[in-house]
Protein backbone atom coordinates (compact mmCIF):
# COMPACT_ATOMS: atom_id res chain seq x y z
CA MET A 1 -10.40 1.08 3.10
CA ASP A 2 -8.99 -0.25 -0.17
CA ILE A 3 -9.49 1.19 -3.63
CA HIS A 4 -9.16 -0.15 -7.18
CA GLU A 5 -6.01 -0.07 -9.28
CA TYR A 6 -7.31 2.59 -11.66
CA GLN A 7 -8.32 4.81 -8.73
CA ALA A 8 -4.89 4.49 -7.12
CA LYS A 9 -3.24 5.35 -10.43
CA GLU A 10 -5.39 8.45 -10.85
CA LEU A 11 -4.40 9.62 -7.37
CA LEU A 12 -0.70 8.94 -7.94
CA ALA A 13 -0.73 10.66 -11.31
CA GLY A 14 -1.79 13.81 -9.47
CA TYR A 15 1.46 13.58 -7.52
CA GLY A 16 3.71 13.29 -10.58
CA VAL A 17 3.88 9.48 -10.89
CA LYS A 18 3.84 8.35 -14.53
CA ILE A 19 1.19 5.83 -15.54
CA ALA A 20 0.26 4.21 -18.83
CA GLU A 21 -2.77 5.57 -20.66
CA GLY A 22 -5.96 3.75 -19.75
CA GLY A 23 -9.71 3.93 -19.30
CA LEU A 24 -12.54 2.34 -17.35
CA ALA A 25 -15.13 0.01 -18.90
CA TYR A 26 -18.31 -1.59 -17.56
CA SER A 27 -19.21 -3.54 -20.70
CA PRO A 28 -17.45 -5.27 -23.64
CA GLU A 29 -18.56 -2.42 -25.91
CA GLU A 30 -17.04 0.18 -23.60
CA ALA A 31 -13.85 -1.89 -23.40
CA VAL A 32 -13.47 -1.80 -27.19
CA GLN A 33 -14.19 1.93 -27.23
CA ARG A 34 -11.51 2.54 -24.58
CA ALA A 35 -9.03 0.52 -26.67
CA ARG A 36 -9.85 2.64 -29.74
CA GLU A 37 -9.39 5.85 -27.74
CA ILE A 38 -6.04 4.67 -26.38
CA GLY A 39 -4.78 3.61 -29.79
CA GLY A 40 -1.85 1.32 -30.50
CA ASN A 41 -1.99 -2.42 -31.10
CA VAL A 42 -1.51 -3.94 -27.64
CA TRP A 43 -3.83 -3.54 -24.67
CA ALA A 44 -4.10 -5.03 -21.20
CA VAL A 45 -7.63 -5.82 -20.01
CA LYS A 46 -7.51 -5.82 -16.22
CA ALA A 47 -10.23 -6.98 -13.83
CA GLN A 48 -10.77 -4.43 -11.06
CA ILE A 49 -11.14 -6.25 -7.75
CA HIS A 50 -9.69 -5.55 -4.32
CA SER A 51 -7.04 -8.25 -4.43
CA GLY A 52 -3.54 -8.91 -5.57
CA ALA A 53 -2.46 -11.89 -7.69
CA ARG A 54 -5.14 -11.13 -10.27
CA GLY A 55 -2.87 -12.31 -13.06
CA LYS A 56 -2.55 -15.80 -11.57
CA ALA A 57 -6.34 -15.96 -11.30
CA GLY A 58 -6.78 -15.05 -14.97
CA GLY A 59 -7.83 -11.49 -14.22
CA ILE A 60 -5.38 -9.80 -16.61
CA LYS A 61 -5.43 -10.51 -20.33
CA ILE A 62 -3.13 -9.12 -23.03
CA CYS A 63 -4.96 -8.42 -26.27
CA LEU A 64 -3.70 -7.64 -29.78
CA THR A 65 -6.98 -6.83 -31.53
CA HIS A 66 -10.26 -5.16 -30.71
CA ASP A 67 -12.01 -8.52 -31.04
CA GLU A 68 -9.69 -9.95 -28.39
CA VAL A 69 -10.43 -6.99 -26.13
CA GLU A 70 -14.17 -7.62 -26.50
CA ALA A 71 -13.78 -11.35 -25.84
CA ALA A 72 -11.59 -10.70 -22.78
CA ALA A 73 -14.12 -8.23 -21.41
CA GLU A 74 -16.98 -10.69 -21.87
CA ALA A 75 -14.98 -13.38 -20.07
CA LEU A 76 -14.06 -11.18 -17.10
CA LEU A 77 -17.15 -9.07 -16.39
CA GLY A 78 -19.35 -10.77 -13.82
CA ARG A 79 -16.74 -13.46 -13.20
CA LYS A 80 -15.74 -14.47 -9.68
CA LEU A 81 -11.97 -14.36 -9.29
CA VAL A 82 -10.40 -16.45 -6.53
CA THR A 83 -6.91 -15.55 -5.31
CA HIS A 84 -4.94 -16.38 -2.17
CA GLN A 85 -6.01 -12.97 -0.83
CA THR A 86 -9.75 -13.31 -1.49
CA GLY A 87 -10.04 -16.82 -0.06
CA PRO A 88 -12.39 -19.42 -1.55
CA ALA A 89 -15.30 -16.94 -1.63
CA GLY A 90 -13.53 -14.90 -4.32
CA LYS A 91 -14.59 -11.46 -5.56
CA VAL A 92 -16.79 -10.60 -8.51
CA CYS A 93 -15.40 -8.37 -11.25
CA GLY A 94 -17.84 -5.58 -12.07
CA ARG A 95 -15.53 -3.19 -13.92
CA LEU A 96 -12.44 -3.34 -16.14
CA TYR A 97 -9.43 -1.13 -16.71
CA ILE A 98 -8.22 -1.06 -20.32
CA GLU A 99 -4.58 0.00 -20.43
CA ALA A 100 -2.13 0.64 -23.24
CA GLY A 101 0.47 -2.06 -23.65
CA THR A 102 3.91 -1.22 -22.25
CA ASN A 103 7.28 -2.27 -23.63
CA ILE A 104 8.77 -3.59 -20.39
CA VAL A 105 12.54 -3.55 -20.09
CA LYS A 106 12.76 -4.22 -16.33
CA GLU A 107 10.35 -4.79 -13.45
CA LEU A 108 10.89 -3.35 -9.98
CA TYR A 109 9.04 -3.45 -6.66
CA PHE A 110 8.29 -0.38 -4.54
CA SER A 111 6.04 0.38 -1.56
CA PHE A 112 5.42 2.50 1.52
CA LEU A 113 3.94 0.85 4.62
CA VAL A 114 3.12 1.90 8.16
CA ASP A 115 5.39 -0.10 10.47
CA ARG A 116 3.61 -0.07 13.82
CA SER A 117 6.44 -1.81 15.66
CA SER A 118 8.87 1.03 14.92
CA GLU A 119 6.14 3.72 14.74
CA ARG A 120 7.55 4.85 11.41
CA ILE A 121 6.91 4.67 7.70
CA VAL A 122 8.99 2.01 6.00
CA MET A 123 9.95 2.35 2.36
CA VAL A 124 10.50 -1.03 0.71
CA GLY A 125 12.06 -1.62 -2.69
CA SER A 126 13.57 -4.39 -4.76
CA ALA A 127 15.16 -4.75 -8.17
CA GLN A 128 13.11 -7.95 -8.49
CA GLY A 129 9.58 -6.79 -9.19
CA GLY A 130 6.52 -8.42 -10.70
CA MET A 131 6.33 -11.28 -8.18
CA GLU A 132 4.62 -11.77 -4.84
CA ILE A 133 6.50 -9.76 -2.25
CA GLU A 134 5.71 -12.40 0.38
CA ASP A 135 7.52 -15.03 -1.71
CA LEU A 136 10.45 -12.70 -2.28
CA ALA A 137 10.73 -11.86 1.42
CA ALA A 138 10.63 -15.55 2.35
CA ASN A 139 12.98 -16.90 -0.33
CA ASN A 140 15.38 -14.01 -0.86
CA PRO A 141 15.10 -11.40 1.91
CA ASP A 142 18.41 -9.81 0.89
CA ALA A 143 16.73 -8.69 -2.33
CA LEU A 144 14.59 -6.25 -0.33
CA THR A 145 15.80 -2.84 0.80
CA LYS A 146 14.03 -1.19 3.73
CA ILE A 147 14.46 2.45 4.68
CA TYR A 148 12.65 3.84 7.74
CA ILE A 149 11.20 7.34 7.69
CA SER A 150 10.32 9.37 10.76
CA PRO A 151 6.86 10.91 10.31
CA ALA A 152 8.00 14.01 12.19
CA VAL A 153 10.79 14.63 9.68
CA GLY A 154 9.37 13.12 6.51
CA LEU A 155 11.11 11.57 3.53
CA GLN A 156 14.52 13.13 2.91
CA ASP A 157 16.10 13.53 -0.53
CA TYR A 158 19.06 11.35 0.43
CA GLN A 159 16.68 8.53 1.40
CA ALA A 160 14.92 8.74 -1.96
CA ARG A 161 18.31 8.62 -3.74
CA GLU A 162 19.39 5.69 -1.58
CA MET A 163 16.31 3.73 -2.64
CA ALA A 164 16.81 4.70 -6.30
CA PHE A 165 20.33 3.26 -6.22
CA ALA A 166 19.11 0.16 -4.35
CA LEU A 167 16.70 -0.48 -7.24
CA GLY A 168 19.72 -0.79 -9.52
CA LEU A 169 18.76 2.13 -11.76
CA ASP A 170 21.07 3.80 -14.24
CA ALA A 171 22.30 7.30 -13.45
CA ALA A 172 19.97 8.71 -16.12
CA LEU A 173 16.95 7.44 -14.19
CA ILE A 174 17.93 8.54 -10.68
CA SER A 175 16.31 11.98 -10.82
CA GLN A 176 13.11 10.51 -12.29
CA ALA A 177 13.08 7.82 -9.60
CA VAL A 178 13.54 10.41 -6.84
CA LYS A 179 10.60 12.39 -8.25
CA THR A 180 8.44 9.24 -8.34
CA ILE A 181 9.41 8.19 -4.81
CA LYS A 182 8.78 11.65 -3.35
CA GLY A 183 5.45 11.86 -5.19
CA CYS A 184 4.38 8.53 -3.69
CA TYR A 185 5.36 9.67 -0.21
CA ARG A 186 3.37 12.90 -0.56
CA ALA A 187 0.35 10.88 -1.67
CA LEU A 188 0.72 8.58 1.36
CA ARG A 189 1.03 11.52 3.73
CA ASP A 190 -1.56 13.87 2.25
CA LEU A 191 -4.26 11.24 1.74
CA ASP A 192 -3.83 9.41 5.08
CA ALA A 193 -2.91 6.19 3.31
CA SER A 194 -1.64 3.28 5.37
CA MET A 195 -0.21 1.37 2.40
CA LEU A 196 0.98 2.24 -1.09
CA GLU A 197 2.40 -0.43 -3.38
CA ILE A 198 3.58 -0.34 -6.99
CA ASN A 199 4.31 -3.81 -8.31
CA PRO A 200 5.62 -3.75 -10.88
CA LEU A 201 7.23 -0.36 -11.24
CA VAL A 202 8.70 -0.79 -14.72
CA ILE A 203 11.32 0.75 -16.95
CA ASN A 204 9.88 0.98 -20.45
CA GLY A 205 11.54 1.13 -23.85
CA ASN A 206 11.78 4.94 -23.63
CA ASN A 207 13.77 4.68 -20.38
CA GLU A 208 10.85 5.94 -18.30
CA LEU A 209 9.60 4.73 -14.93
CA ILE A 210 5.95 3.68 -15.20
CA ALA A 211 3.62 2.50 -12.42
CA LEU A 212 2.15 -0.53 -14.17
CA ASP A 213 0.08 -1.55 -11.16
CA ALA A 214 -0.85 0.30 -7.99
CA LYS A 215 -2.55 -0.49 -4.69
CA MET A 216 -3.48 1.89 -1.89
CA GLY A 217 -5.10 1.30 1.47
CA PHE A 218 -6.38 4.08 3.72
CA ASP A 219 -6.90 4.63 7.43
CA ASP A 220 -10.66 4.35 8.00
CA ASN A 221 -10.37 6.67 10.99
CA ALA A 222 -9.16 9.51 8.75
CA LEU A 223 -11.83 9.24 6.07
CA PHE A 224 -13.88 11.99 7.72
CA ARG A 225 -11.29 14.47 6.42
CA GLN A 226 -10.59 12.70 3.12
CA HIS A 227 -13.91 13.15 1.34
CA LYS A 228 -12.49 12.55 -2.14
CA VAL A 229 -10.93 9.29 -1.00
CA ALA A 230 -14.07 8.17 0.82
CA GLU A 231 -16.04 8.62 -2.41
CA LEU A 232 -13.83 5.97 -4.06
CA ARG A 233 -15.17 3.23 -1.78
CA ASP A 234 -16.61 0.21 -3.62
CA LYS A 235 -18.89 -1.62 -1.18
CA THR A 236 -19.40 -4.49 -3.64
CA GLN A 237 -15.80 -5.54 -2.95
CA GLU A 238 -16.24 -5.62 0.83
CA ASP A 239 -17.67 -8.21 3.19
CA PRO A 240 -21.35 -7.18 3.37
CA ARG A 241 -21.35 -7.88 7.10
CA GLU A 242 -18.47 -5.47 7.66
CA THR A 243 -20.07 -2.87 5.40
CA ALA A 244 -23.34 -3.04 7.33
CA ALA A 245 -21.47 -2.71 10.63
CA GLY A 246 -19.42 0.24 9.45
CA ASP A 247 -22.56 2.04 8.31
CA ARG A 248 -23.96 1.60 11.83
CA GLY A 249 -20.82 2.71 13.65
CA LEU A 250 -19.85 -0.78 14.85
CA SER A 251 -16.41 -2.40 14.66
CA TYR A 252 -16.94 -5.76 12.95
CA VAL A 253 -14.69 -8.26 11.20
CA GLY A 254 -16.24 -11.34 9.63
CA LEU A 255 -14.57 -14.69 10.31
CA ASP A 256 -15.18 -18.27 9.16
CA GLY A 257 -16.55 -19.81 12.37
CA ASP A 258 -20.11 -20.33 13.59
CA ILE A 259 -20.19 -18.84 17.13
CA GLY A 260 -21.34 -15.24 16.92
CA CYS A 261 -19.79 -12.73 19.32
CA MET A 262 -20.96 -9.39 20.76
CA ILE A 263 -18.40 -7.86 23.10
CA ASN A 264 -17.49 -4.40 24.38
CA GLY A 265 -13.83 -3.54 24.02
CA ALA A 266 -11.34 -4.70 21.40
CA GLY A 267 -9.03 -6.38 23.91
CA LEU A 268 -11.88 -8.29 25.54
CA ALA A 269 -13.12 -9.29 22.08
CA MET A 270 -9.72 -10.74 21.20
CA ALA A 271 -9.55 -12.59 24.53
CA THR A 272 -13.06 -13.96 24.00
CA MET A 273 -12.21 -15.29 20.56
CA ASP A 274 -9.11 -16.94 22.01
CA MET A 275 -11.20 -18.61 24.72
CA ILE A 276 -13.70 -19.88 22.14
CA LYS A 277 -10.83 -21.41 20.18
CA LEU A 278 -9.38 -22.90 23.37
CA ALA A 279 -12.75 -24.49 24.15
CA GLY A 280 -12.81 -26.12 20.72
CA GLY A 281 -15.01 -23.68 18.81
CA GLU A 282 -14.57 -21.16 16.01
CA PRO A 283 -15.70 -17.51 16.30
CA ALA A 284 -17.88 -16.20 13.47
CA ASN A 285 -16.89 -12.60 13.94
CA PHE A 286 -15.08 -9.90 15.87
CA LEU A 287 -17.65 -7.36 17.07
CA ASP A 288 -16.83 -4.54 19.47
CA VAL A 289 -19.96 -2.58 20.42
CA GLY A 290 -17.91 -0.05 22.36
CA GLY A 291 -18.52 1.54 25.74
CA GLY A 292 -21.91 3.06 24.96
CA ALA A 293 -23.89 -0.12 24.30
CA SER A 294 -27.43 1.32 24.51
CA ALA A 295 -30.52 -0.83 23.95
CA GLU A 296 -30.76 0.45 20.37
CA ARG A 297 -27.08 -0.22 19.70
CA THR A 298 -27.36 -3.67 21.28
CA GLU A 299 -30.27 -4.56 19.00
CA LYS A 300 -28.30 -3.42 15.94
CA ALA A 301 -25.38 -5.59 17.03
CA PHE A 302 -27.66 -8.61 17.52
CA ARG A 303 -29.19 -8.21 14.07
CA LEU A 304 -25.75 -7.84 12.52
CA VAL A 305 -24.42 -11.04 14.09
CA LEU A 306 -27.56 -13.01 13.28
CA ALA A 307 -27.54 -11.81 9.66
CA ASP A 308 -24.77 -14.39 9.20
CA LYS A 309 -26.85 -17.52 8.55
CA GLY A 310 -23.88 -19.71 9.46
CA VAL A 311 -24.02 -18.69 13.14
CA LYS A 312 -25.14 -21.62 15.34
CA ALA A 313 -24.83 -19.96 18.77
CA MET A 314 -24.19 -16.45 20.08
CA LEU A 315 -22.01 -15.30 22.95
CA VAL A 316 -22.44 -11.89 24.60
CA ASN A 317 -19.52 -10.93 26.83
CA ILE A 318 -19.75 -7.52 28.51
CA PHE A 319 -17.43 -5.96 31.07
CA ALA A 320 -19.19 -2.83 32.30
CA GLY A 321 -16.97 0.01 33.40
CA ILE A 322 -18.23 3.21 31.81
CA ASN A 323 -21.42 1.31 31.01
CA ARG A 324 -23.64 -0.61 33.47
CA CYS A 325 -24.58 -4.28 33.44
CA ASP A 326 -28.25 -3.54 34.16
CA TRP A 327 -28.45 -1.29 31.08
CA ILE A 328 -26.78 -3.97 28.99
CA ALA A 329 -29.10 -6.65 30.38
CA GLU A 330 -32.15 -4.57 29.54
CA GLY A 331 -30.83 -4.07 26.01
CA VAL A 332 -30.16 -7.79 25.56
CA VAL A 333 -33.63 -8.77 26.81
CA GLU A 334 -35.32 -6.18 24.61
CA ALA A 335 -33.30 -7.25 21.57
CA VAL A 336 -34.02 -10.96 22.07
CA LYS A 337 -37.76 -10.28 22.37
CA LYS A 338 -37.81 -8.18 19.20
CA ILE A 339 -35.67 -10.50 17.12
CA ASP A 340 -37.19 -13.81 18.27
CA MET A 341 -33.87 -15.66 18.37
CA LYS A 342 -33.81 -19.25 17.16
CA ILE A 343 -30.28 -20.11 18.29
CA PRO A 344 -28.77 -20.49 21.80
CA LEU A 345 -27.66 -17.28 23.49
CA ILE A 346 -24.95 -17.26 26.16
CA VAL A 347 -24.49 -14.07 28.21
CA ARG A 348 -21.67 -13.27 30.59
CA LEU A 349 -21.79 -9.96 32.47
CA SER A 350 -19.17 -8.46 34.76
CA GLY A 351 -18.49 -5.07 36.32
CA THR A 352 -20.75 -2.21 37.39
CA ASN A 353 -24.20 -3.30 38.66
CA VAL A 354 -23.52 -6.91 37.64
CA GLU A 355 -25.94 -8.40 40.19
CA GLU A 356 -28.81 -6.27 38.95
CA GLY A 357 -27.95 -7.16 35.38
CA ARG A 358 -27.99 -10.88 36.14
CA ARG A 359 -31.34 -10.48 37.96
CA ILE A 360 -32.89 -8.81 34.91
CA ILE A 361 -31.81 -11.68 32.66
CA ALA A 362 -32.87 -14.36 35.15
CA GLU A 363 -36.35 -12.85 35.55
CA SER A 364 -36.87 -12.19 31.83
CA GLY A 365 -38.28 -15.65 31.24
CA LEU A 366 -36.13 -15.99 28.13
CA PRO A 367 -34.00 -19.10 27.45
CA ILE A 368 -30.73 -17.24 27.96
CA ILE A 369 -27.75 -19.28 29.18
CA THR A 370 -25.70 -17.33 31.72
CA ALA A 371 -22.08 -17.66 32.81
CA ASP A 372 -19.97 -16.06 35.53
CA THR A 373 -16.53 -16.29 33.90
CA LEU A 374 -15.20 -15.95 30.37
CA ALA A 375 -13.93 -19.54 30.34
CA GLU A 376 -17.34 -20.82 31.43
CA ALA A 377 -19.08 -18.71 28.81
CA ALA A 378 -16.82 -20.00 26.04
CA GLU A 379 -17.34 -23.61 27.11
CA LYS A 380 -21.12 -23.18 27.22
CA ALA A 381 -21.12 -21.48 23.82
CA VAL A 382 -19.18 -24.34 22.23
CA LYS A 383 -21.40 -26.93 23.92
CA ALA A 384 -24.56 -25.17 22.69
CA ARG A 385 -23.14 -24.88 19.20
CA ASN A 386 -22.31 -28.60 19.13
CA GLU A 387 -25.85 -29.51 20.21
CA VAL A 388 -27.32 -27.36 17.41
CA VAL A 389 -25.07 -29.00 14.84
CA ALA A 390 -25.91 -32.50 16.15
CA ASN A 391 -29.66 -31.78 15.90
CA GLU A 392 -29.28 -30.58 12.30
CA ARG A 393 -27.87 -33.93 11.19
């Protein structure tokens, strides 16, 4: 789960990280009021969407008067911002963060990430902040410093000092940098965050370290014990298909293809998507219904896949181990009857009670296309999809 910049800053401020004064606004009038409350003569009006590179998309505007703040707010609220992270669909800005202008002397980059390959936390920093970290890593990897932290031991003081020196800070800022770094690590650990990024982390005219931007991502599986974090969720910034699936306890990731998938098991789901691609098709989603695919759960999964109007054919691929193919077959038949499907359905069953499951589908009288192997199922799904597309022309 991701959260907005202002939410991440509020969390980090509770761990001793310095931030610029700011306030939230949902209307141009509120934006002007926030600017008045902040005071000064320079303000940043920032669109709050779950994406980086907002500045390049015109989502951050520097204003020198209250009239400019109002005009910037009117231009951003309700606007769809398209960045390389949002894709062509973009994300709509529904709220703004009005922040006091900062006299920037130097920009730095700093983050904590979960590195699954080493099973550790990696602390990443660079004296070259304010730019896309992907570009920096590709064009000048030596500018990045990586320090690995064992979760069992935690961040050590010497590691925080090592990063502070790697950022090229003056001696007067080292203790402040160590405090900021340790505060960020405590936030990552205590809140079950999987990513924390400050870009840029700036030195201002008063020789202070300020988090001028902040991003945090959290482990969905830990939200049950992070109630305050879970309350920060903004569903308007999420794929509605994924939101609907999450609310129903299903693992779903929306993709750009047009062959819907319902599969049990994450590994089998990945293999199925690969086979669809190999057969010349494009999967519309990743959907793992899990081991307990009851009739009710199967129907929910069907409705979720079919809610994507771009789906031209649907492939059900079930390997029954804990579950049973006859139960799955009964659930599929019941779901198809209730939903009244208008697109081709391809079903491949394997595992426990597979013969009985195939008999139930064969005797259902429904126009369900069956397959014995995954390769055959993928080929039939692509063929059915192509016929649907040809008939639409």
